[in-house]
Amino acid sequence: MSHEERNRRNFPPMNANTGAATMPDVDAQGASHIQASDMVMQSVSLRVNGTVRQLEVDTRATLLDSLREQLSLFGTKKGCDHGQCGACTIHVNGRRVNACLTLAVMHDGDEITTIEGLASHDALHPVQEAFVEHDAFQCGYCTPGQIMSAAALLKEPCGPEDDDIRECMSGNICRCGAYPNIVAAVKSLRNRA
């Protein structure tokens, strides 16, 4: 089985009694064959970045995978796939959500905003401008999730101190350590309001 053919949807199933992986069938030539369960597909209508999109999704597919794989919106990053890093942060109906923790079928009819839809036309969103102004990124992998969280934070109750900003942004990890600059960027926006 090639690397492209392996993914979490066709990985060997787990035995419920022992927790052990069921081994795939191997034919005489040594080629493995995995019996994938039948996928259950469902139609969903998502308003993504202002545009209604009709999708046929596997009922097990996360919103993150659907955005990336079906709509080619690669700005939303896949980091941990466990909701611990915040790289996949998006807005659903105006609230920040970890897209790796929610199924696409749960959001039929919802308004979804990704980093690609945050700015209007060619102008940067104020949070994006603040991140550039305060050099609030290094490698950039976490930056879309950080920006989406910061944009949501500005509309949420959050105390006035730097520690309050840190707490409100604590769901987003920056492995490069750009935290002081991220806090400065958010603080500058809060001071303008």
N, C-alpha and C. Protein backbone atom coordinates (compact mmCIF):
# COMPACT_ATOMS: atom_id res chain seq x y z
N MET A 1 0.86 -1.18 0.00
CA MET A 1 0.00 0.00 0.00
C MET A 1 0.90 1.23 0.00
N SER A 2 0.68 2.12 -0.94
CA SER A 2 1.51 3.32 -1.03
C SER A 2 1.14 4.31 0.07
N HIS A 3 2.03 5.28 0.28
CA HIS A 3 1.79 6.31 1.29
C HIS A 3 0.50 7.08 1.00
N GLU A 4 0.22 7.34 -0.28
CA GLU A 4 -0.97 8.10 -0.66
C GLU A 4 -2.26 7.33 -0.35
N GLU A 5 -2.18 5.99 -0.39
CA GLU A 5 -3.37 5.19 -0.15
C GLU A 5 -3.69 5.04 1.33
N ARG A 6 -2.70 5.30 2.20
CA ARG A 6 -2.90 5.15 3.64
C ARG A 6 -3.42 6.46 4.23
N ASN A 7 -4.48 6.38 4.95
CA ASN A 7 -4.97 7.51 5.72
C ASN A 7 -5.82 6.98 6.85
N ARG A 8 -6.33 7.85 7.69
CA ARG A 8 -7.06 7.38 8.86
C ARG A 8 -8.38 6.70 8.51
N ARG A 9 -8.85 6.86 7.28
CA ARG A 9 -10.12 6.25 6.91
C ARG A 9 -9.96 4.82 6.41
N ASN A 10 -8.75 4.43 6.02
CA ASN A 10 -8.57 3.06 5.57
C ASN A 10 -7.49 2.32 6.36
N PHE A 11 -7.14 2.86 7.52
CA PHE A 11 -6.18 2.21 8.40
C PHE A 11 -6.82 0.93 8.94
N PRO A 12 -6.02 -0.08 9.24
CA PRO A 12 -6.63 -1.33 9.74
C PRO A 12 -7.56 -1.07 10.91
N PRO A 13 -8.75 -1.65 10.88
CA PRO A 13 -9.71 -1.43 11.98
C PRO A 13 -9.19 -2.01 13.28
N MET A 14 -9.65 -1.43 14.40
CA MET A 14 -9.25 -1.90 15.72
C MET A 14 -10.25 -2.95 16.21
N ASN A 15 -9.74 -3.97 16.90
CA ASN A 15 -10.59 -4.97 17.52
C ASN A 15 -11.12 -4.36 18.81
N ALA A 16 -12.41 -4.28 18.96
CA ALA A 16 -13.02 -3.62 20.11
C ALA A 16 -12.69 -4.32 21.42
N ASN A 17 -12.47 -5.62 21.40
CA ASN A 17 -12.22 -6.36 22.63
C ASN A 17 -10.79 -6.22 23.13
N THR A 18 -9.83 -6.19 22.22
CA THR A 18 -8.42 -6.18 22.64
C THR A 18 -7.73 -4.85 22.38
N GLY A 19 -8.30 -4.00 21.54
CA GLY A 19 -7.64 -2.75 21.18
C GLY A 19 -6.51 -2.96 20.18
N ALA A 20 -6.37 -4.17 19.66
CA ALA A 20 -5.31 -4.47 18.70
C ALA A 20 -5.82 -4.21 17.28
N ALA A 21 -4.89 -3.83 16.42
CA ALA A 21 -5.25 -3.59 15.03
C ALA A 21 -5.51 -4.91 14.34
N THR A 22 -6.55 -4.97 13.54
CA THR A 22 -6.83 -6.14 12.73
C THR A 22 -5.91 -6.08 11.53
N MET A 23 -5.20 -7.14 11.30
CA MET A 23 -4.22 -7.13 10.22
C MET A 23 -4.93 -7.29 8.87
N PRO A 24 -4.43 -6.60 7.85
CA PRO A 24 -5.04 -6.70 6.53
C PRO A 24 -4.78 -8.07 5.92
N ASP A 25 -5.65 -8.48 5.00
CA ASP A 25 -5.43 -9.71 4.25
C ASP A 25 -4.23 -9.53 3.35
N VAL A 26 -3.42 -10.58 3.20
CA VAL A 26 -2.25 -10.52 2.31
C VAL A 26 -2.41 -11.63 1.29
N ASP A 27 -2.31 -11.27 0.00
CA ASP A 27 -2.46 -12.29 -1.03
C ASP A 27 -1.12 -12.99 -1.27
N ALA A 28 -1.11 -13.94 -2.19
CA ALA A 28 0.08 -14.76 -2.45
C ALA A 28 1.28 -13.92 -2.88
N GLN A 29 1.05 -12.76 -3.50
CA GLN A 29 2.14 -11.91 -3.94
C GLN A 29 2.58 -10.93 -2.84
N GLY A 30 1.97 -11.00 -1.68
CA GLY A 30 2.37 -10.14 -0.56
C GLY A 30 1.67 -8.79 -0.54
N ALA A 31 0.73 -8.54 -1.46
CA ALA A 31 0.02 -7.26 -1.48
C ALA A 31 -1.09 -7.29 -0.43
N SER A 32 -1.17 -6.24 0.35
CA SER A 32 -2.19 -6.21 1.40
C SER A 32 -3.48 -5.61 0.87
N HIS A 33 -4.57 -6.10 1.40
CA HIS A 33 -5.89 -5.63 1.03
C HIS A 33 -6.66 -5.33 2.31
N ILE A 34 -7.08 -4.10 2.46
CA ILE A 34 -7.85 -3.72 3.64
C ILE A 34 -9.29 -3.54 3.22
N GLN A 35 -10.17 -4.17 3.94
CA GLN A 35 -11.58 -4.02 3.67
C GLN A 35 -12.05 -2.76 4.39
N ALA A 36 -12.23 -1.68 3.62
CA ALA A 36 -12.72 -0.43 4.21
C ALA A 36 -14.22 -0.53 4.39
N SER A 37 -14.70 -0.01 5.50
CA SER A 37 -16.14 0.00 5.71
C SER A 37 -16.78 0.96 4.71
N ASP A 38 -18.02 0.73 4.43
CA ASP A 38 -18.73 1.60 3.50
C ASP A 38 -18.82 3.00 4.10
N MET A 39 -18.41 3.99 3.32
CA MET A 39 -18.52 5.37 3.78
C MET A 39 -19.96 5.80 3.67
N VAL A 40 -20.40 6.58 4.64
CA VAL A 40 -21.73 7.16 4.60
C VAL A 40 -21.55 8.62 4.23
N MET A 41 -22.09 9.00 3.10
CA MET A 41 -21.94 10.36 2.61
C MET A 41 -23.22 11.15 2.91
N GLN A 42 -23.04 12.44 3.12
CA GLN A 42 -24.19 13.31 3.39
C GLN A 42 -23.95 14.66 2.72
N SER A 43 -25.01 15.23 2.21
CA SER A 43 -24.94 16.57 1.61
C SER A 43 -25.00 17.60 2.72
N VAL A 44 -24.15 18.61 2.61
CA VAL A 44 -24.20 19.74 3.54
C VAL A 44 -24.05 21.03 2.75
N SER A 45 -24.65 22.06 3.27
CA SER A 45 -24.54 23.39 2.69
C SER A 45 -23.82 24.26 3.71
N LEU A 46 -22.66 24.74 3.34
CA LEU A 46 -21.87 25.58 4.22
C LEU A 46 -21.69 26.95 3.57
N ARG A 47 -21.84 28.01 4.34
CA ARG A 47 -21.52 29.34 3.83
C ARG A 47 -20.09 29.62 4.27
N VAL A 48 -19.16 29.43 3.35
CA VAL A 48 -17.74 29.56 3.66
C VAL A 48 -17.21 30.86 3.07
N ASN A 49 -16.75 31.73 3.94
CA ASN A 49 -16.20 33.02 3.53
C ASN A 49 -17.17 33.79 2.64
N GLY A 50 -18.45 33.70 2.99
CA GLY A 50 -19.48 34.45 2.29
C GLY A 50 -20.08 33.76 1.08
N THR A 51 -19.59 32.60 0.72
CA THR A 51 -20.09 31.87 -0.44
C THR A 51 -20.72 30.56 -0.01
N VAL A 52 -21.94 30.28 -0.47
CA VAL A 52 -22.59 29.02 -0.14
C VAL A 52 -21.94 27.92 -0.96
N ARG A 53 -21.54 26.87 -0.26
CA ARG A 53 -20.89 25.73 -0.91
C ARG A 53 -21.66 24.46 -0.57
N GLN A 54 -22.06 23.72 -1.59
CA GLN A 54 -22.73 22.43 -1.41
C GLN A 54 -21.67 21.34 -1.49
N LEU A 55 -21.59 20.51 -0.45
CA LEU A 55 -20.59 19.45 -0.42
C LEU A 55 -21.23 18.11 -0.12
N GLU A 56 -20.63 17.06 -0.63
CA GLU A 56 -20.94 15.69 -0.23
C GLU A 56 -19.78 15.28 0.64
N VAL A 57 -20.05 15.06 1.93
CA VAL A 57 -18.97 14.74 2.85
C VAL A 57 -19.20 13.38 3.50
N ASP A 58 -18.10 12.72 3.79
CA ASP A 58 -18.12 11.52 4.61
C ASP A 58 -18.59 11.96 5.99
N THR A 59 -19.53 11.26 6.58
CA THR A 59 -20.07 11.68 7.87
C THR A 59 -19.02 11.65 8.97
N ARG A 60 -17.88 11.02 8.72
CA ARG A 60 -16.79 10.99 9.71
C ARG A 60 -15.77 12.09 9.48
N ALA A 61 -15.90 12.85 8.40
CA ALA A 61 -14.89 13.86 8.04
C ALA A 61 -14.99 15.08 8.95
N THR A 62 -13.84 15.54 9.41
CA THR A 62 -13.83 16.76 10.22
C THR A 62 -14.05 17.97 9.32
N LEU A 63 -14.45 19.05 9.94
CA LEU A 63 -14.60 20.29 9.20
C LEU A 63 -13.25 20.72 8.63
N LEU A 64 -12.19 20.51 9.38
CA LEU A 64 -10.84 20.84 8.91
C LEU A 64 -10.51 20.09 7.62
N ASP A 65 -10.72 18.78 7.62
CA ASP A 65 -10.42 17.99 6.42
C ASP A 65 -11.29 18.40 5.24
N SER A 66 -12.55 18.70 5.49
CA SER A 66 -13.44 19.12 4.40
C SER A 66 -12.99 20.46 3.81
N LEU A 67 -12.61 21.40 4.67
CA LEU A 67 -12.14 22.70 4.18
C LEU A 67 -10.88 22.55 3.35
N ARG A 68 -9.96 21.75 3.82
CA ARG A 68 -8.68 21.59 3.13
C ARG A 68 -8.79 20.70 1.89
N GLU A 69 -9.43 19.54 2.04
CA GLU A 69 -9.43 18.55 0.97
C GLU A 69 -10.49 18.79 -0.11
N GLN A 70 -11.64 19.34 0.27
CA GLN A 70 -12.69 19.53 -0.71
C GLN A 70 -12.76 20.96 -1.24
N LEU A 71 -12.40 21.93 -0.40
CA LEU A 71 -12.50 23.32 -0.83
C LEU A 71 -11.13 23.97 -1.08
N SER A 72 -10.07 23.23 -0.88
CA SER A 72 -8.69 23.71 -1.10
C SER A 72 -8.39 25.00 -0.33
N LEU A 73 -8.91 25.08 0.88
CA LEU A 73 -8.62 26.22 1.76
C LEU A 73 -7.51 25.79 2.71
N PHE A 74 -6.29 25.96 2.27
CA PHE A 74 -5.13 25.43 2.99
C PHE A 74 -4.58 26.37 4.06
N GLY A 75 -5.17 27.55 4.21
CA GLY A 75 -4.72 28.47 5.26
C GLY A 75 -5.01 27.93 6.64
N THR A 76 -6.08 27.18 6.79
CA THR A 76 -6.40 26.53 8.06
C THR A 76 -5.49 25.32 8.16
N LYS A 77 -4.62 25.32 9.17
CA LYS A 77 -3.57 24.30 9.26
C LYS A 77 -4.00 23.10 10.09
N LYS A 78 -3.44 21.96 9.73
CA LYS A 78 -3.60 20.75 10.51
C LYS A 78 -2.35 20.61 11.36
N GLY A 79 -2.51 20.80 12.66
CA GLY A 79 -1.37 20.71 13.57
C GLY A 79 -1.38 19.39 14.31
N CYS A 80 -2.14 19.34 15.38
CA CYS A 80 -2.13 18.17 16.25
C CYS A 80 -3.26 17.19 15.95
N ASP A 81 -4.34 17.67 15.33
CA ASP A 81 -5.54 16.86 15.07
C ASP A 81 -6.22 16.39 16.36
N HIS A 82 -5.93 17.09 17.49
CA HIS A 82 -6.54 16.74 18.78
C HIS A 82 -7.09 17.95 19.50
N GLY A 83 -7.10 19.13 18.87
CA GLY A 83 -7.63 20.33 19.50
C GLY A 83 -6.73 20.94 20.54
N GLN A 84 -5.45 20.63 20.50
CA GLN A 84 -4.53 21.11 21.51
C GLN A 84 -3.66 22.27 21.06
N CYS A 85 -3.53 22.48 19.75
CA CYS A 85 -2.57 23.49 19.29
C CYS A 85 -3.20 24.76 18.73
N GLY A 86 -4.44 24.69 18.26
CA GLY A 86 -5.13 25.87 17.74
C GLY A 86 -4.78 26.26 16.31
N ALA A 87 -3.94 25.49 15.63
CA ALA A 87 -3.56 25.83 14.26
C ALA A 87 -4.76 25.80 13.31
N CYS A 88 -5.80 25.08 13.69
CA CYS A 88 -6.98 24.92 12.83
C CYS A 88 -8.13 25.85 13.21
N THR A 89 -7.85 26.88 14.01
CA THR A 89 -8.91 27.77 14.49
C THR A 89 -9.59 28.50 13.33
N ILE A 90 -10.91 28.43 13.32
CA ILE A 90 -11.75 29.13 12.35
C ILE A 90 -12.91 29.77 13.13
N HIS A 91 -13.75 30.51 12.45
CA HIS A 91 -14.96 31.05 13.09
C HIS A 91 -16.17 30.33 12.50
N VAL A 92 -17.03 29.86 13.38
CA VAL A 92 -18.31 29.27 12.98
C VAL A 92 -19.39 30.11 13.64
N ASN A 93 -20.20 30.75 12.79
CA ASN A 93 -21.24 31.66 13.28
C ASN A 93 -20.67 32.70 14.24
N GLY A 94 -19.45 33.18 13.92
CA GLY A 94 -18.83 34.25 14.69
C GLY A 94 -18.05 33.81 15.91
N ARG A 95 -18.04 32.52 16.22
CA ARG A 95 -17.31 32.03 17.39
C ARG A 95 -16.14 31.18 16.95
N ARG A 96 -15.03 31.27 17.68
CA ARG A 96 -13.87 30.47 17.29
C ARG A 96 -14.07 29.00 17.65
N VAL A 97 -13.61 28.17 16.74
CA VAL A 97 -13.79 26.72 16.85
C VAL A 97 -12.52 26.05 16.34
N ASN A 98 -12.13 24.96 16.99
CA ASN A 98 -11.05 24.12 16.45
C ASN A 98 -11.67 23.21 15.41
N ALA A 99 -11.33 23.43 14.16
CA ALA A 99 -11.95 22.69 13.06
C ALA A 99 -11.62 21.20 13.07
N CYS A 100 -10.55 20.82 13.76
CA CYS A 100 -10.19 19.41 13.82
C CYS A 100 -11.07 18.62 14.79
N LEU A 101 -11.83 19.32 15.62
CA LEU A 101 -12.64 18.65 16.64
C LEU A 101 -14.12 18.59 16.30
N THR A 102 -14.50 19.07 15.15
CA THR A 102 -15.92 19.10 14.82
C THR A 102 -16.13 18.47 13.44
N LEU A 103 -17.22 17.76 13.30
CA LEU A 103 -17.53 17.10 12.04
C LEU A 103 -18.20 18.08 11.08
N ALA A 104 -17.89 17.96 9.81
CA ALA A 104 -18.46 18.85 8.80
C ALA A 104 -19.99 18.75 8.78
N VAL A 105 -20.53 17.54 8.97
CA VAL A 105 -21.99 17.37 8.90
C VAL A 105 -22.72 18.12 10.02
N MET A 106 -22.02 18.50 11.06
CA MET A 106 -22.64 19.23 12.17
C MET A 106 -22.88 20.70 11.82
N HIS A 107 -22.37 21.16 10.69
CA HIS A 107 -22.40 22.58 10.38
C HIS A 107 -23.21 22.93 9.14
N ASP A 108 -24.16 22.07 8.80
CA ASP A 108 -25.05 22.34 7.68
C ASP A 108 -25.75 23.68 7.91
N GLY A 109 -25.60 24.61 6.99
CA GLY A 109 -26.23 25.92 7.07
C GLY A 109 -25.45 26.95 7.87
N ASP A 110 -24.32 26.57 8.45
CA ASP A 110 -23.55 27.50 9.28
C ASP A 110 -22.69 28.44 8.45
N GLU A 111 -22.37 29.59 9.06
CA GLU A 111 -21.47 30.60 8.48
C GLU A 111 -20.07 30.28 8.98
N ILE A 112 -19.17 30.00 8.06
CA ILE A 112 -17.80 29.62 8.41
C ILE A 112 -16.84 30.64 7.80
N THR A 113 -15.94 31.14 8.64
CA THR A 113 -14.91 32.07 8.16
C THR A 113 -13.55 31.46 8.44
N THR A 114 -12.74 31.36 7.39
CA THR A 114 -11.37 30.89 7.52
C THR A 114 -10.44 32.09 7.36
N ILE A 115 -9.17 31.88 7.51
CA ILE A 115 -8.20 32.96 7.36
C ILE A 115 -8.30 33.60 5.97
N GLU A 116 -8.66 32.80 4.97
CA GLU A 116 -8.78 33.33 3.61
C GLU A 116 -9.92 34.33 3.48
N GLY A 117 -10.92 34.21 4.35
CA GLY A 117 -12.08 35.09 4.27
C GLY A 117 -12.12 36.20 5.30
N LEU A 118 -11.08 36.30 6.12
CA LEU A 118 -11.08 37.30 7.19
C LEU A 118 -10.94 38.71 6.65
N ALA A 119 -10.05 38.90 5.71
CA ALA A 119 -9.82 40.23 5.13
C ALA A 119 -10.87 40.50 4.06
N SER A 120 -11.05 41.77 3.74
CA SER A 120 -11.97 42.12 2.67
C SER A 120 -11.17 42.57 1.46
N HIS A 121 -11.37 41.89 0.36
CA HIS A 121 -10.72 42.19 -0.92
C HIS A 121 -9.20 42.20 -0.76
N ASP A 122 -8.54 43.29 -1.15
CA ASP A 122 -7.08 43.32 -1.12
C ASP A 122 -6.51 43.91 0.17
N ALA A 123 -7.36 44.40 1.04
CA ALA A 123 -6.89 45.02 2.28
C ALA A 123 -6.76 43.97 3.38
N LEU A 124 -5.73 44.08 4.18
CA LEU A 124 -5.58 43.18 5.31
C LEU A 124 -6.60 43.51 6.40
N HIS A 125 -6.98 42.51 7.14
CA HIS A 125 -7.83 42.70 8.32
C HIS A 125 -6.97 43.41 9.38
N PRO A 126 -7.55 44.22 10.25
CA PRO A 126 -6.78 44.91 11.29
C PRO A 126 -5.91 43.97 12.14
N VAL A 127 -6.38 42.76 12.40
CA VAL A 127 -5.56 41.82 13.18
C VAL A 127 -4.34 41.40 12.36
N GLN A 128 -4.53 41.16 11.08
CA GLN A 128 -3.39 40.81 10.23
C GLN A 128 -2.39 41.95 10.18
N GLU A 129 -2.89 43.18 10.07
CA GLU A 129 -2.00 44.35 10.08
C GLU A 129 -1.22 44.45 11.38
N ALA A 130 -1.89 44.21 12.50
CA ALA A 130 -1.23 44.28 13.81
C ALA A 130 -0.16 43.20 13.94
N PHE A 131 -0.44 42.00 13.41
CA PHE A 131 0.56 40.93 13.47
C PHE A 131 1.80 41.31 12.67
N VAL A 132 1.61 41.93 11.51
CA VAL A 132 2.74 42.36 10.69
C VAL A 132 3.49 43.49 11.41
N GLU A 133 2.75 44.46 11.91
CA GLU A 133 3.35 45.62 12.59
C GLU A 133 4.18 45.21 13.81
N HIS A 134 3.72 44.19 14.54
CA HIS A 134 4.40 43.78 15.77
C HIS A 134 5.25 42.53 15.58
N ASP A 135 5.44 42.12 14.34
CA ASP A 135 6.27 40.95 14.03
C ASP A 135 5.84 39.75 14.88
N ALA A 136 4.54 39.48 14.89
CA ALA A 136 3.96 38.48 15.77
C ALA A 136 3.94 37.09 15.15
N PHE A 137 4.97 36.75 14.42
CA PHE A 137 5.08 35.41 13.85
C PHE A 137 6.54 35.16 13.52
N GLN A 138 6.89 33.88 13.44
CA GLN A 138 8.23 33.52 12.99
C GLN A 138 8.11 32.57 11.81
N CYS A 139 7.90 31.29 12.07
CA CYS A 139 7.80 30.36 10.94
C CYS A 139 6.48 30.53 10.19
N GLY A 140 5.44 30.99 10.89
CA GLY A 140 4.16 31.27 10.24
C GLY A 140 3.16 30.14 10.26
N TYR A 141 3.53 28.95 10.71
CA TYR A 141 2.59 27.83 10.66
C TYR A 141 1.37 28.07 11.54
N CYS A 142 1.58 28.60 12.74
CA CYS A 142 0.47 28.82 13.66
C CYS A 142 -0.27 30.13 13.40
N THR A 143 0.31 30.99 12.56
CA THR A 143 -0.20 32.35 12.40
C THR A 143 -1.67 32.42 11.99
N PRO A 144 -2.15 31.64 11.03
CA PRO A 144 -3.59 31.73 10.70
C PRO A 144 -4.49 31.46 11.91
N GLY A 145 -4.17 30.42 12.68
CA GLY A 145 -4.96 30.12 13.86
C GLY A 145 -4.85 31.20 14.92
N GLN A 146 -3.65 31.75 15.09
CA GLN A 146 -3.44 32.83 16.06
C GLN A 146 -4.28 34.06 15.66
N ILE A 147 -4.25 34.39 14.38
CA ILE A 147 -4.99 35.55 13.89
C ILE A 147 -6.49 35.35 14.05
N MET A 148 -6.98 34.15 13.73
CA MET A 148 -8.41 33.88 13.87
C MET A 148 -8.83 33.95 15.34
N SER A 149 -7.99 33.45 16.24
CA SER A 149 -8.30 33.54 17.68
C SER A 149 -8.29 34.98 18.15
N ALA A 150 -7.29 35.74 17.70
CA ALA A 150 -7.19 37.15 18.11
C ALA A 150 -8.40 37.94 17.61
N ALA A 151 -8.83 37.68 16.39
CA ALA A 151 -9.99 38.39 15.85
C ALA A 151 -11.24 38.07 16.67
N ALA A 152 -11.39 36.83 17.09
CA ALA A 152 -12.54 36.44 17.93
C ALA A 152 -12.42 37.05 19.32
N LEU A 153 -11.21 37.06 19.86
CA LEU A 153 -10.97 37.60 21.20
C LEU A 153 -11.44 39.04 21.31
N LEU A 154 -11.28 39.80 20.25
CA LEU A 154 -11.66 41.22 20.28
C LEU A 154 -13.17 41.41 20.48
N LYS A 155 -13.94 40.37 20.22
CA LYS A 155 -15.40 40.44 20.38
C LYS A 155 -15.88 39.69 21.62
N GLU A 156 -14.95 39.12 22.37
CA GLU A 156 -15.29 38.33 23.55
C GLU A 156 -14.92 39.09 24.82
N PRO A 157 -15.55 38.74 25.93
CA PRO A 157 -15.13 39.35 27.20
C PRO A 157 -13.75 38.83 27.58
N CYS A 158 -12.84 39.73 27.75
CA CYS A 158 -11.47 39.39 28.12
C CYS A 158 -10.94 40.55 28.94
N GLY A 159 -10.32 40.26 30.05
CA GLY A 159 -9.84 41.31 30.94
C GLY A 159 -8.82 42.23 30.28
N PRO A 160 -8.44 43.32 30.97
CA PRO A 160 -7.60 44.35 30.37
C PRO A 160 -6.09 44.08 30.42
N GLU A 161 -5.66 43.11 31.20
CA GLU A 161 -4.22 42.89 31.42
C GLU A 161 -3.62 41.94 30.37
N ASP A 162 -2.28 42.00 30.26
CA ASP A 162 -1.57 41.10 29.36
C ASP A 162 -1.85 39.64 29.71
N ASP A 163 -1.92 39.33 31.00
CA ASP A 163 -2.21 37.96 31.42
C ASP A 163 -3.60 37.52 30.96
N ASP A 164 -4.52 38.45 30.87
CA ASP A 164 -5.86 38.13 30.37
C ASP A 164 -5.79 37.76 28.89
N ILE A 165 -5.00 38.52 28.13
CA ILE A 165 -4.82 38.21 26.71
C ILE A 165 -4.18 36.83 26.56
N ARG A 166 -3.13 36.57 27.35
CA ARG A 166 -2.46 35.27 27.30
C ARG A 166 -3.46 34.14 27.58
N GLU A 167 -4.29 34.34 28.58
CA GLU A 167 -5.28 33.31 28.93
C GLU A 167 -6.28 33.12 27.80
N CYS A 168 -6.76 34.20 27.22
CA CYS A 168 -7.74 34.11 26.13
C CYS A 168 -7.13 33.53 24.85
N MET A 169 -5.82 33.61 24.71
CA MET A 169 -5.13 33.05 23.54
C MET A 169 -4.46 31.71 23.85
N SER A 170 -4.70 31.17 25.04
CA SER A 170 -3.97 29.98 25.48
C SER A 170 -4.30 28.72 24.69
N GLY A 171 -5.34 28.73 23.90
CA GLY A 171 -5.66 27.59 23.06
C GLY A 171 -4.84 27.51 21.79
N ASN A 172 -3.95 28.48 21.60
CA ASN A 172 -3.11 28.52 20.40
C ASN A 172 -1.65 28.44 20.80
N ILE A 173 -0.97 27.46 20.27
CA ILE A 173 0.45 27.25 20.59
C ILE A 173 1.32 27.81 19.47
N CYS A 174 2.37 28.51 19.87
CA CYS A 174 3.40 28.96 18.92
C CYS A 174 4.69 28.27 19.34
N ARG A 175 5.13 27.32 18.55
CA ARG A 175 6.33 26.57 18.90
C ARG A 175 7.60 27.40 18.75
N CYS A 176 7.51 28.50 18.02
CA CYS A 176 8.67 29.39 17.85
C CYS A 176 8.81 30.37 19.01
N GLY A 177 7.78 30.55 19.78
CA GLY A 177 7.86 31.43 20.94
C GLY A 177 7.63 32.90 20.64
N ALA A 178 6.75 33.21 19.72
CA ALA A 178 6.46 34.61 19.38
C ALA A 178 5.41 35.21 20.31
N TYR A 179 5.18 34.61 21.46
CA TYR A 179 4.12 35.05 22.37
C TYR A 179 4.17 36.53 22.75
N PRO A 180 5.34 37.08 23.12
CA PRO A 180 5.35 38.50 23.51
C PRO A 180 4.85 39.41 22.38
N ASN A 181 5.20 39.09 21.15
CA ASN A 181 4.78 39.91 20.02
C ASN A 181 3.30 39.69 19.68
N ILE A 182 2.81 38.48 19.91
CA ILE A 182 1.38 38.20 19.69
C ILE A 182 0.56 39.00 20.70
N VAL A 183 0.98 38.98 21.96
CA VAL A 183 0.29 39.75 22.99
C VAL A 183 0.33 41.24 22.65
N ALA A 184 1.50 41.72 22.18
CA ALA A 184 1.63 43.15 21.81
C ALA A 184 0.68 43.50 20.67
N ALA A 185 0.54 42.61 19.70
CA ALA A 185 -0.36 42.86 18.57
C ALA A 185 -1.80 42.95 19.04
N VAL A 186 -2.22 42.01 19.86
CA VAL A 186 -3.60 42.01 20.35
C VAL A 186 -3.84 43.24 21.23
N LYS A 187 -2.87 43.54 22.08
CA LYS A 187 -2.99 44.69 22.97
C LYS A 187 -3.14 45.99 22.18
N SER A 188 -2.39 46.11 21.08
CA SER A 188 -2.48 47.33 20.27
C SER A 188 -3.86 47.49 19.67
N LEU A 189 -4.48 46.41 19.30
CA LEU A 189 -5.84 46.46 18.74
C LEU A 189 -6.86 46.81 19.82
N ARG A 190 -6.67 46.28 21.00
CA ARG A 190 -7.61 46.57 22.09
C ARG A 190 -7.49 48.03 22.51
N ASN A 191 -6.29 48.60 22.42
CA ASN A 191 -6.09 50.00 22.79
C ASN A 191 -6.74 50.95 21.77
N ARG A 192 -6.87 50.49 20.52
CA ARG A 192 -7.49 51.32 19.47
C ARG A 192 -9.00 51.37 19.62
N ALA A 193 -9.56 50.30 20.19
CA ALA A 193 -11.03 50.20 20.30
C ALA A 193 -11.60 51.14 21.34
